[in-house]
Amino acid sequence: MTKRPNIIIINPDEMRWNTMGHMGNPAASTPRLDSFAENDAVSFENAYCQNPVCVPSRCSFLTGLYPHVHGYRTMHYLMHEGSDTLFSELRGAGYKVWMNTRNDFIAGNVPGLMATQFDEINIPERPLISGRHEIIEGFPYSHYIGVIDEVKTDINDTLAACERIRRQKPADDPLCLFIGWMNPHVPYVTDQEHYDRINPDLIEERVHYKDTEGKSEMIRKLREFADLGEFTEEQWKEVQRVYLAQCSYVDDMFGMIVDALKEAGIYDDSLIVFLSDHGDFAGDFGLPEKAQNSFEDILTKVPLLIKPPKGEKVMPGKTQSLAELVDFYATVMDYAGVTPTHDQFGISLRPVIENTETKIRDYAFSEGGRRPCEKQADEYHKYGDAGPAKTSDYWAKMNAEADDSAHAKGTMITDGRYKYILRLGGGDEFYDLEKDPREMINRIDCEEYKSIILELKMKMLEWYQETCDAVPRGFDTRFLTKESLTPAE
């Protein structure tokens, strides 16, 4: 058979889709990603994550399963024994799988579990950011630090990934390398070099605090607990600038990975995927960070850039074709020539990569939140009934999640023009993204949209009917045998 391609997966955390220059952001400084999209890869303008926080999103895109299928809807329930992932399946097909220690999908408390997924796990020194709690006086939940002398986060992981790439020879077993970065995740912190790259005069005006009538109860609760109403426009502009500087730092590290691939002589023959797990408010609606059941494009639309290996057809540039991150799993398996061992819901993006005018999805979905009885699904009750200490950076977010109505289960559907959000509590939402691309006006009660809302609601019902579970493959016997009655040794 033809030798399988090397697979390089680059996964920054919390990076919005519109933080790159080629996506039309004049303040962005991402020349390596922009060049990659122009010359070698397809960049998806409308790629949606399936949950707007870390763990559920990763559990979803690494299996091709939606968060509701197996209950991966929380920050505390990760994949256990018997979970077939992209990595275990690639290992089974002969790949050597490498990752750094940025996990957020495999249960770290299960002995030996990581060894079923990876051949090599790099554990370099991962320095914490000094001064994390020394944030702007009077606004302890802004997550803002600003400019420091040196940012060390992620660089050791990147250097280790480059070293592993340079060891890879064309004749070796194929390599799957997964590198997860913390940046541009909060806290908002950068160094002077990257800060200076961002021209504050080019930063788009944020969605203001007052522009929230009709928004979800979660957003209102987050604002209440974060207490950032007197945070000045100058301070919010600094948040935006530092966040974009962090994305520029990501661009630098992406360039380091590409350079290492070219030095090793394996760039052309590699499948390269750059994707984020979710986005970030970064000042919009008067908020930092993200929320588990808030579905604005700034949280759910993410960078997704894919370069196929040499010999595969590609039409470099941008595409408006709708995609979901579950499609990442199906796409990688397709180019690797590996058949999934479990049923999944992703669609290979190969047709779009070959012709960017191709359309493979009519709708994209995202989901989050919990039922009132699911206290294990919020981050507040991890600390008991009293909740977290106020010294925690995440105190405001965790307290908002303790509210059953604000943190109610919600599901989003979009066709790219319209977006409908159904919730068990806290208020439904509907947006006309053509008239209101920044989602400031909730038109859920507008008579002119009633038929469209009903149509989207029915499409959501059909989607849930189709994806409500994934039946395990295999056949068990219904009859007891002597062996089944004998205690295991």
Protein backbone atom coordinates (compact mmCIF):
# COMPACT_ATOMS: atom_id res chain seq x y z
CA MET A 1 0.00 0.00 0.00
CA THR A 2 1.07 3.65 -0.41
CA LYS A 3 2.98 4.95 2.59
CA ARG A 4 0.70 6.83 4.93
CA PRO A 5 1.39 10.55 5.42
CA ASN A 6 2.82 12.06 8.56
CA ILE A 7 0.09 13.90 10.47
CA ILE A 8 0.90 17.14 12.29
CA ILE A 9 -1.89 18.54 14.50
CA ILE A 10 -1.41 21.98 16.04
CA ASN A 11 -4.00 22.97 18.63
CA PRO A 12 -3.87 26.42 20.28
CA ASP A 13 -6.34 26.95 23.10
CA GLU A 14 -9.07 29.61 23.00
CA MET A 15 -8.20 31.24 19.65
CA ARG A 16 -10.98 33.07 17.84
CA TRP A 17 -11.44 32.57 14.10
CA ASN A 18 -11.03 36.29 13.39
CA THR A 19 -7.61 36.72 15.01
CA MET A 20 -5.72 36.09 11.75
CA GLY A 21 -4.89 38.63 9.09
CA HIS A 22 -6.28 36.57 6.21
CA MET A 23 -9.65 36.51 7.99
CA GLY A 24 -9.87 40.28 7.58
CA ASN A 25 -8.55 41.50 10.93
CA PRO A 26 -6.37 44.55 10.16
CA ALA A 27 -4.83 44.53 13.65
CA ALA A 28 -3.75 40.88 13.51
CA SER A 29 -0.10 39.89 13.08
CA THR A 30 -0.12 36.31 11.79
CA PRO A 31 2.10 36.26 8.67
CA ARG A 32 2.99 32.56 8.86
CA LEU A 33 -0.61 31.38 9.10
CA ASP A 34 -1.65 33.85 6.40
CA SER A 35 1.02 32.56 4.03
CA PHE A 36 0.10 28.97 4.86
CA ALA A 37 -3.54 29.64 3.93
CA GLU A 38 -2.64 31.50 0.76
CA ASN A 39 -0.17 28.99 -0.65
CA ASP A 40 -0.63 25.52 0.80
CA ALA A 41 -3.79 25.07 2.87
CA VAL A 42 -7.51 25.64 2.96
CA SER A 43 -8.72 27.95 5.73
CA PHE A 44 -12.34 27.50 6.82
CA GLU A 45 -14.18 30.75 7.52
CA ASN A 46 -17.14 28.94 9.08
CA ALA A 47 -15.78 26.10 11.22
CA TYR A 48 -17.72 25.59 14.45
CA CYS A 49 -16.66 23.81 17.62
CA GLN A 50 -19.21 21.49 19.24
CA ASN A 51 -18.82 22.94 22.75
CA PRO A 52 -17.31 26.32 23.68
CA VAL A 53 -14.99 25.05 26.46
CA CYS A 54 -11.84 22.94 26.41
CA VAL A 55 -12.54 19.37 27.55
CA PRO A 56 -15.90 18.73 25.83
CA SER A 57 -14.65 20.25 22.58
CA ARG A 58 -11.52 18.08 22.51
CA CYS A 59 -13.36 14.90 23.49
CA SER A 60 -15.66 15.64 20.54
CA PHE A 61 -13.19 16.48 17.78
CA LEU A 62 -10.84 13.63 18.71
CA THR A 63 -13.62 11.03 18.40
CA GLY A 64 -16.05 12.45 15.83
CA LEU A 65 -18.80 12.23 18.46
CA TYR A 66 -20.99 15.09 19.63
CA PRO A 67 -20.71 16.01 23.33
CA HIS A 68 -24.19 14.69 24.13
CA VAL A 69 -23.52 11.20 22.75
CA HIS A 70 -21.44 9.85 25.64
CA GLY A 71 -21.89 12.65 28.18
CA TYR A 72 -18.64 14.50 27.49
CA ARG A 73 -20.25 17.82 28.40
CA THR A 74 -18.17 18.85 31.41
CA MET A 75 -14.68 19.94 32.40
CA HIS A 76 -14.46 16.99 34.81
CA TYR A 77 -15.42 13.91 32.78
CA LEU A 78 -12.71 12.90 30.34
CA MET A 79 -12.28 9.80 28.21
CA HIS A 80 -11.64 6.50 30.01
CA GLU A 81 -10.86 2.90 29.07
CA GLY A 82 -12.58 1.69 25.95
CA SER A 83 -12.72 5.12 24.34
CA ASP A 84 -11.53 4.88 20.75
CA THR A 85 -9.87 8.14 19.78
CA LEU A 86 -8.04 9.41 16.74
CA PHE A 87 -4.77 8.56 18.45
CA SER A 88 -5.55 5.00 19.53
CA GLU A 89 -6.86 4.23 16.05
CA LEU A 90 -3.82 5.72 14.30
CA ARG A 91 -1.54 3.73 16.62
CA GLY A 92 -3.44 0.60 15.67
CA ALA A 93 -2.72 1.39 12.02
CA GLY A 94 1.03 1.67 12.57
CA TYR A 95 1.49 5.34 13.42
CA LYS A 96 3.95 6.49 16.08
CA VAL A 97 2.00 9.03 18.11
CA TRP A 98 3.71 11.91 19.98
CA MET A 99 2.11 14.54 22.17
CA ASN A 100 3.11 17.17 24.68
CA THR A 101 1.50 17.36 28.10
CA ARG A 102 -1.37 19.71 27.14
CA ASN A 103 -4.11 17.09 27.53
CA ASP A 104 -7.74 18.00 28.36
CA PHE A 105 -9.27 14.86 26.85
CA ILE A 106 -7.80 11.69 28.45
CA ALA A 107 -8.52 11.05 32.15
CA GLY A 108 -5.21 11.75 33.83
CA ASN A 109 -6.11 9.77 36.95
CA VAL A 110 -6.35 6.35 35.24
CA PRO A 111 -3.06 4.41 35.44
CA GLY A 112 -1.71 3.30 32.08
CA LEU A 113 -4.44 4.96 30.03
CA MET A 114 -2.16 7.43 28.26
CA ALA A 115 0.00 4.52 27.08
CA THR A 116 -2.94 3.21 25.05
CA GLN A 117 -3.02 6.48 23.11
CA PHE A 118 0.59 7.60 22.68
CA ASP A 119 4.03 6.17 22.01
CA GLU A 120 5.81 9.27 23.28
CA ILE A 121 4.64 11.91 25.75
CA ASN A 122 6.96 14.84 26.13
CA ILE A 123 7.08 16.34 29.62
CA PRO A 124 9.37 19.38 29.50
CA GLU A 125 9.60 22.07 32.11
CA ARG A 126 6.35 24.04 31.81
CA PRO A 127 6.91 27.31 33.68
CA LEU A 128 3.85 28.95 35.12
CA ILE A 129 3.19 32.60 34.40
CA SER A 130 4.47 34.69 37.27
CA GLY A 131 2.13 37.30 38.64
CA ARG A 132 -1.03 35.45 37.61
CA HIS A 133 -2.93 36.85 40.59
CA GLU A 134 -1.29 40.26 40.44
CA ILE A 135 -3.91 41.60 38.07
CA ILE A 136 -5.39 45.06 37.64
CA GLU A 137 -6.21 46.44 41.07
CA GLY A 138 -9.94 46.46 41.71
CA PHE A 139 -10.79 44.10 38.84
CA PRO A 140 -9.63 40.65 40.00
CA TYR A 141 -11.69 38.69 37.46
CA SER A 142 -10.54 40.42 34.28
CA HIS A 143 -7.81 37.79 33.69
CA TYR A 144 -5.62 40.69 32.56
CA ILE A 145 -1.90 40.83 33.36
CA GLY A 146 -0.47 42.76 30.40
CA VAL A 147 3.16 42.97 29.32
CA ILE A 148 5.87 41.04 31.16
CA ASP A 149 9.59 40.62 30.45
CA GLU A 150 9.42 37.12 28.97
CA VAL A 151 6.66 34.66 28.11
CA LYS A 152 7.84 31.07 28.48
CA THR A 153 4.49 29.33 28.19
CA ASP A 154 4.44 26.79 25.32
CA ILE A 155 7.95 27.43 24.02
CA ASN A 156 9.52 24.34 25.62
CA ASP A 157 6.75 22.18 24.18
CA THR A 158 7.33 23.72 20.76
CA LEU A 159 11.07 23.15 20.89
CA ALA A 160 10.50 19.53 21.89
CA ALA A 161 8.04 19.06 19.01
CA CYS A 162 10.57 20.51 16.57
CA GLU A 163 13.25 18.16 17.90
CA ARG A 164 10.93 15.16 17.41
CA ILE A 165 10.11 16.29 13.87
CA ARG A 166 13.80 16.59 12.98
CA ARG A 167 14.34 12.99 14.13
CA GLN A 168 11.69 11.75 11.70
CA LYS A 169 13.10 10.16 8.56
CA PRO A 170 11.13 9.60 5.33
CA ALA A 171 11.54 5.82 5.69
CA ASP A 172 10.33 5.71 9.32
CA ASP A 173 6.89 4.54 10.41
CA PRO A 174 4.49 7.45 9.90
CA LEU A 175 4.39 10.04 12.66
CA CYS A 176 1.30 11.61 14.22
CA LEU A 177 2.40 14.62 16.25
CA PHE A 178 -0.13 16.47 18.39
CA ILE A 179 0.96 19.68 20.05
CA GLY A 180 -1.46 21.57 22.26
CA TRP A 181 -0.60 25.11 23.30
CA MET A 182 -1.98 27.10 26.23
CA ASN A 183 -1.88 30.36 24.25
CA PRO A 184 -3.93 32.44 23.67
CA HIS A 185 -5.86 31.13 26.70
CA VAL A 186 -6.19 33.54 29.62
CA PRO A 187 -4.52 35.14 31.47
CA TYR A 188 -4.08 37.92 28.93
CA VAL A 189 -0.31 38.28 29.05
CA THR A 190 2.44 38.88 26.49
CA ASP A 191 5.94 40.26 26.04
CA GLN A 192 6.96 43.61 24.60
CA GLU A 193 7.95 42.23 21.19
CA HIS A 194 4.54 40.74 20.43
CA TYR A 195 2.67 43.61 22.09
CA ASP A 196 4.42 46.09 19.80
CA ARG A 197 3.28 44.16 16.72
CA ILE A 198 -0.37 45.08 17.37
CA ASN A 199 -1.44 48.56 16.26
CA PRO A 200 -4.15 49.63 18.72
CA ASP A 201 -5.61 52.06 16.17
CA LEU A 202 -6.54 49.09 13.95
CA ILE A 203 -8.33 47.07 16.63
CA GLU A 204 -12.04 46.72 15.93
CA GLU A 205 -14.34 48.40 18.43
CA ARG A 206 -15.59 45.80 20.85
CA VAL A 207 -19.23 44.86 21.45
CA HIS A 208 -20.06 47.11 24.38
CA TYR A 209 -21.37 46.25 27.81
CA LYS A 210 -24.68 47.98 27.13
CA ASP A 211 -25.35 45.97 23.96
CA THR A 212 -26.75 42.95 25.80
CA GLU A 213 -30.53 43.32 25.87
CA GLY A 214 -31.99 39.93 25.06
CA LYS A 215 -28.73 38.08 25.63
CA SER A 216 -28.59 34.89 27.67
CA GLU A 217 -28.92 34.74 31.43
CA MET A 218 -25.41 33.27 31.52
CA ILE A 219 -23.95 36.46 30.09
CA ARG A 220 -25.89 38.55 32.60
CA LYS A 221 -24.68 36.38 35.50
CA LEU A 222 -21.09 36.46 34.29
CA ARG A 223 -21.20 40.26 34.20
CA GLU A 224 -22.78 40.39 37.63
CA PHE A 225 -20.12 38.27 39.32
CA ALA A 226 -17.13 39.57 37.35
CA ASP A 227 -18.13 43.13 38.28
CA LEU A 228 -16.28 44.77 35.41
CA GLY A 229 -18.83 47.48 34.67
CA GLU A 230 -16.32 50.23 35.47
CA PHE A 231 -13.49 48.66 33.50
CA THR A 232 -12.53 51.50 31.14
CA GLU A 233 -12.43 51.42 27.36
CA GLU A 234 -8.67 51.91 27.57
CA GLN A 235 -8.41 48.79 29.73
CA TRP A 236 -10.61 46.74 27.40
CA LYS A 237 -8.51 47.92 24.45
CA GLU A 238 -5.47 46.60 26.31
CA VAL A 239 -7.19 43.22 26.74
CA GLN A 240 -7.87 43.11 23.00
CA ARG A 241 -4.33 44.14 22.13
CA VAL A 242 -2.69 41.60 24.45
CA TYR A 243 -4.99 38.82 23.21
CA LEU A 244 -4.02 39.55 19.59
CA ALA A 245 -0.37 39.62 20.68
CA GLN A 246 -0.81 36.15 22.15
CA CYS A 247 -2.19 35.01 18.78
CA SER A 248 0.89 36.49 17.12
CA TYR A 249 3.01 34.42 19.51
CA VAL A 250 1.05 31.36 18.36
CA ASP A 251 1.85 32.33 14.78
CA ASP A 252 5.56 32.41 15.59
CA MET A 253 5.44 28.92 17.10
CA PHE A 254 3.45 27.65 14.13
CA GLY A 255 6.26 28.95 11.93
CA MET A 256 8.80 27.07 14.04
CA ILE A 257 6.90 23.80 13.44
CA VAL A 258 6.69 24.44 9.69
CA ASP A 259 10.40 25.27 9.51
CA ALA A 260 11.27 22.04 11.35
CA LEU A 261 9.14 20.01 8.94
CA LYS A 262 10.91 21.58 5.97
CA GLU A 263 14.34 21.03 7.51
CA ALA A 264 13.48 17.36 8.03
CA GLY A 265 12.33 17.05 4.44
CA ILE A 266 8.82 15.92 5.42
CA TYR A 267 6.74 19.11 5.02
CA ASP A 268 5.39 18.26 1.58
CA ASP A 269 4.42 14.70 2.51
CA SER A 270 2.65 15.69 5.75
CA LEU A 271 -1.00 16.36 6.48
CA ILE A 272 -0.98 19.51 8.62
CA VAL A 273 -4.01 20.67 10.59
CA PHE A 274 -4.19 23.87 12.66
CA LEU A 275 -7.33 24.20 14.79
CA SER A 276 -8.50 25.74 18.04
CA ASP A 277 -10.94 24.19 20.49
CA HIS A 278 -13.07 27.35 21.01
CA GLY A 279 -12.85 31.14 21.13
CA ASP A 280 -12.77 33.92 23.73
CA PHE A 281 -14.89 36.98 24.58
CA ALA A 282 -11.72 39.14 24.81
CA GLY A 283 -13.76 42.14 25.93
CA ASP A 284 -16.89 41.70 23.83
CA PHE A 285 -20.09 42.06 25.89
CA GLY A 286 -17.91 43.33 28.74
CA LEU A 287 -16.44 39.91 29.44
CA PRO A 288 -13.17 38.00 29.39
CA GLU A 289 -12.67 34.28 28.68
CA LYS A 290 -15.63 32.07 27.63
CA ALA A 291 -18.78 30.35 28.92
CA GLN A 292 -19.94 26.77 28.61
CA ASN A 293 -23.38 27.51 27.17
CA SER A 294 -22.90 30.77 25.30
CA PHE A 295 -22.76 30.39 21.53
CA GLU A 296 -21.66 33.66 19.95
CA ASP A 297 -19.40 33.23 16.90
CA ILE A 298 -16.53 34.69 18.92
CA LEU A 299 -16.75 31.55 21.09
CA THR A 300 -17.89 28.85 18.66
CA LYS A 301 -16.23 29.77 15.35
CA VAL A 302 -12.60 28.71 15.30
CA PRO A 303 -9.53 28.64 13.05
CA LEU A 304 -9.35 25.47 10.96
CA LEU A 305 -6.57 25.27 8.37
CA ILE A 306 -5.73 22.03 6.55
CA LYS A 307 -2.87 21.22 4.17
CA PRO A 308 -3.11 17.77 2.57
CA PRO A 309 0.00 15.70 1.80
CA LYS A 310 1.75 15.99 -1.56
CA GLY A 311 -0.10 14.26 -4.36
CA GLU A 312 -3.53 15.12 -2.98
CA LYS A 313 -5.57 17.78 -4.73
CA VAL A 314 -5.89 21.13 -2.94
CA MET A 315 -7.27 24.57 -3.77
CA PRO A 316 -5.40 26.86 -1.33
CA GLY A 317 -7.23 29.82 0.15
CA LYS A 318 -10.36 30.49 2.15
CA THR A 319 -13.68 28.67 1.96
CA GLN A 320 -17.10 29.71 3.25
CA SER A 321 -18.26 26.10 3.41
CA LEU A 322 -19.76 25.19 6.80
CA ALA A 323 -17.70 22.74 8.83
CA GLU A 324 -17.78 21.26 12.32
CA LEU A 325 -14.78 20.16 14.36
CA VAL A 326 -16.13 16.60 14.36
CA ASP A 327 -15.19 16.73 10.67
CA PHE A 328 -11.54 17.04 11.70
CA TYR A 329 -11.59 13.43 12.93
CA ALA A 330 -13.15 12.12 9.71
CA THR A 331 -10.76 14.16 7.56
CA VAL A 332 -7.60 12.92 9.26
CA MET A 333 -8.78 9.31 9.10
CA ASP A 334 -9.58 9.76 5.40
CA TYR A 335 -6.15 11.10 4.44
CA ALA A 336 -4.45 8.50 6.66
CA GLY A 337 -6.36 5.72 4.91
CA VAL A 338 -7.58 4.32 8.24
CA THR A 339 -11.12 3.01 8.77
CA PRO A 340 -12.70 4.14 12.07
CA THR A 341 -13.35 1.39 14.61
CA HIS A 342 -16.46 3.13 15.94
CA ASP A 343 -19.47 4.91 14.48
CA GLN A 344 -19.03 8.68 14.38
CA PHE A 345 -20.68 11.76 12.88
CA GLY A 346 -17.89 13.67 11.14
CA ILE A 347 -17.74 14.19 7.37
CA SER A 348 -14.40 14.25 5.58
CA LEU A 349 -13.54 17.75 4.39
CA ARG A 350 -11.55 16.38 1.45
CA PRO A 351 -14.16 17.56 -1.14
CA VAL A 352 -13.89 21.13 0.18
CA ILE A 353 -10.10 20.99 0.28
CA GLU A 354 -10.12 19.92 -3.36
CA ASN A 355 -12.68 22.57 -4.37
CA THR A 356 -13.39 25.38 -1.93
CA GLU A 357 -16.78 26.06 -3.53
CA THR A 358 -18.02 22.62 -2.43
CA LYS A 359 -20.67 22.46 0.29
CA ILE A 360 -20.88 19.40 2.55
CA ARG A 361 -23.05 20.67 5.42
CA ASP A 362 -26.24 22.69 5.55
CA TYR A 363 -26.05 23.27 9.31
CA ALA A 364 -23.54 23.38 12.16
CA PHE A 365 -24.30 22.67 15.81
CA SER A 366 -22.83 23.44 19.21
CA GLU A 367 -24.08 22.56 22.69
CA GLY A 368 -23.34 23.07 26.38
CA GLY A 369 -24.76 23.48 29.86
CA ARG A 370 -26.53 21.03 32.15
CA ARG A 371 -29.76 19.89 33.74
CA PRO A 372 -30.48 21.22 37.27
CA CYS A 373 -29.68 17.81 38.79
CA GLU A 374 -26.28 17.59 37.08
CA LYS A 375 -24.18 19.38 39.68
CA GLN A 376 -21.20 17.32 38.50
CA ALA A 377 -21.40 19.21 35.21
CA ASP A 378 -20.63 22.67 36.61
CA GLU A 379 -17.28 23.86 37.91
CA TYR A 380 -18.66 25.38 41.12
CA HIS A 381 -19.57 22.13 42.88
CA LYS A 382 -16.14 20.62 42.34
CA TYR A 383 -15.31 22.62 45.47
CA GLY A 384 -18.32 21.42 47.47
CA ASP A 385 -21.50 23.28 48.30
CA ALA A 386 -19.53 26.34 49.41
CA GLY A 387 -17.96 26.69 45.98
CA PRO A 388 -14.51 28.04 45.12
CA ALA A 389 -12.59 30.65 47.07
CA LYS A 390 -12.82 34.23 45.82
CA THR A 391 -9.06 34.16 45.25
CA SER A 392 -9.61 31.85 42.27
CA ASP A 393 -9.30 33.54 38.87
CA TYR A 394 -12.43 31.63 37.89
CA TRP A 395 -14.59 32.54 40.88
CA ALA A 396 -16.96 34.69 38.79
CA LYS A 397 -17.44 32.06 36.09
CA MET A 398 -17.92 29.25 38.59
CA ASN A 399 -20.54 31.19 40.54
CA ALA A 400 -22.44 31.90 37.34
CA GLU A 401 -22.45 28.17 36.57
CA ALA A 402 -23.95 27.42 39.99
CA ASP A 403 -27.17 29.08 38.81
CA ASP A 404 -29.38 26.33 37.32
CA SER A 405 -31.17 28.68 34.93
CA ALA A 406 -28.06 30.50 33.70
CA HIS A 407 -26.19 27.23 33.18
CA ALA A 408 -29.12 25.37 31.63
CA LYS A 409 -28.52 23.04 28.70
CA GLY A 410 -28.48 24.88 25.42
CA THR A 411 -28.08 23.92 21.77
CA MET A 412 -27.15 26.11 18.81
CA ILE A 413 -27.91 25.56 15.14
CA THR A 414 -26.74 27.81 12.32
CA ASP A 415 -26.92 27.66 8.55
CA GLY A 416 -24.42 30.51 8.24
CA ARG A 417 -27.13 33.15 7.74
CA TYR A 418 -29.34 32.51 10.77
CA LYS A 419 -28.55 31.22 14.25
CA TYR A 420 -31.07 29.74 16.68
CA ILE A 421 -30.32 28.75 20.29
CA LEU A 422 -32.72 26.60 22.30
CA ARG A 423 -32.30 26.45 26.08
CA LEU A 424 -33.91 24.60 28.96
CA GLY A 425 -33.71 27.89 30.87
CA GLY A 426 -32.19 31.34 30.65
CA GLY A 427 -33.83 32.43 27.40
CA ASP A 428 -33.77 31.32 23.74
CA GLU A 429 -31.98 33.39 21.09
CA PHE A 430 -32.19 34.01 17.35
CA TYR A 431 -29.86 36.12 15.22
CA ASP A 432 -29.86 37.26 11.63
CA LEU A 433 -26.11 37.07 11.03
CA GLU A 434 -26.31 38.99 7.77
CA LYS A 435 -27.95 42.02 9.40
CA ASP A 436 -26.31 41.55 12.79
CA PRO A 437 -22.98 39.69 12.43
CA ARG A 438 -21.89 40.55 15.98
CA GLU A 439 -25.05 39.08 17.51
CA MET A 440 -26.19 42.12 19.46
CA ILE A 441 -29.93 41.95 18.68
CA ASN A 442 -31.89 38.90 19.79
CA ARG A 443 -34.78 38.58 17.34
CA ILE A 444 -36.39 35.54 18.96
CA ASP A 445 -39.76 37.33 19.28
CA CYS A 446 -39.79 39.00 15.85
CA GLU A 447 -42.83 37.87 13.87
CA GLU A 448 -41.01 38.02 10.52
CA TYR A 449 -38.65 35.23 11.62
CA LYS A 450 -41.20 32.82 13.12
CA SER A 451 -41.18 30.42 10.18
CA ILE A 452 -37.38 30.37 10.02
CA ILE A 453 -37.14 29.70 13.76
CA LEU A 454 -39.61 26.83 13.44
CA GLU A 455 -37.64 25.35 10.54
CA LEU A 456 -34.37 25.52 12.50
CA LYS A 457 -36.06 24.00 15.54
CA MET A 458 -37.25 21.06 13.43
CA LYS A 459 -33.77 20.62 11.93
CA MET A 460 -32.36 20.55 15.46
CA LEU A 461 -34.86 17.83 16.40
CA GLU A 462 -33.85 15.79 13.35
CA TRP A 463 -30.19 16.21 14.28
CA TYR A 464 -30.79 15.00 17.83
CA GLN A 465 -32.79 12.05 16.51
CA GLU A 466 -29.92 11.08 14.21
CA THR A 467 -27.07 11.63 16.68
CA CYS A 468 -28.61 10.77 20.05
CA ASP A 469 -26.33 7.77 20.49
CA ALA A 470 -23.66 5.68 18.79
CA VAL A 471 -24.25 1.95 19.15
CA PRO A 472 -21.04 0.04 19.98
CA ARG A 473 -19.90 -2.40 17.34
CA GLY A 474 -19.68 -6.09 18.20
CA PHE A 475 -22.06 -8.82 19.30
CA ASP A 476 -22.54 -10.21 22.80
CA THR A 477 -24.23 -13.50 23.61
CA ARG A 478 -27.49 -13.40 25.54
CA PHE A 479 -26.84 -16.75 27.17
CA LEU A 480 -24.68 -17.41 30.19
CA THR A 481 -21.72 -19.72 29.75
CA LYS A 482 -19.67 -21.64 32.26
CA GLU A 483 -16.82 -19.19 31.69
CA SER A 484 -19.02 -16.18 32.43
CA LEU A 485 -19.95 -17.65 35.82
CA THR A 486 -16.33 -18.29 36.79
CA PRO A 487 -14.65 -15.48 38.73
CA ALA A 488 -11.85 -13.83 36.80
CA GLU A 489 -8.36 -14.54 38.04
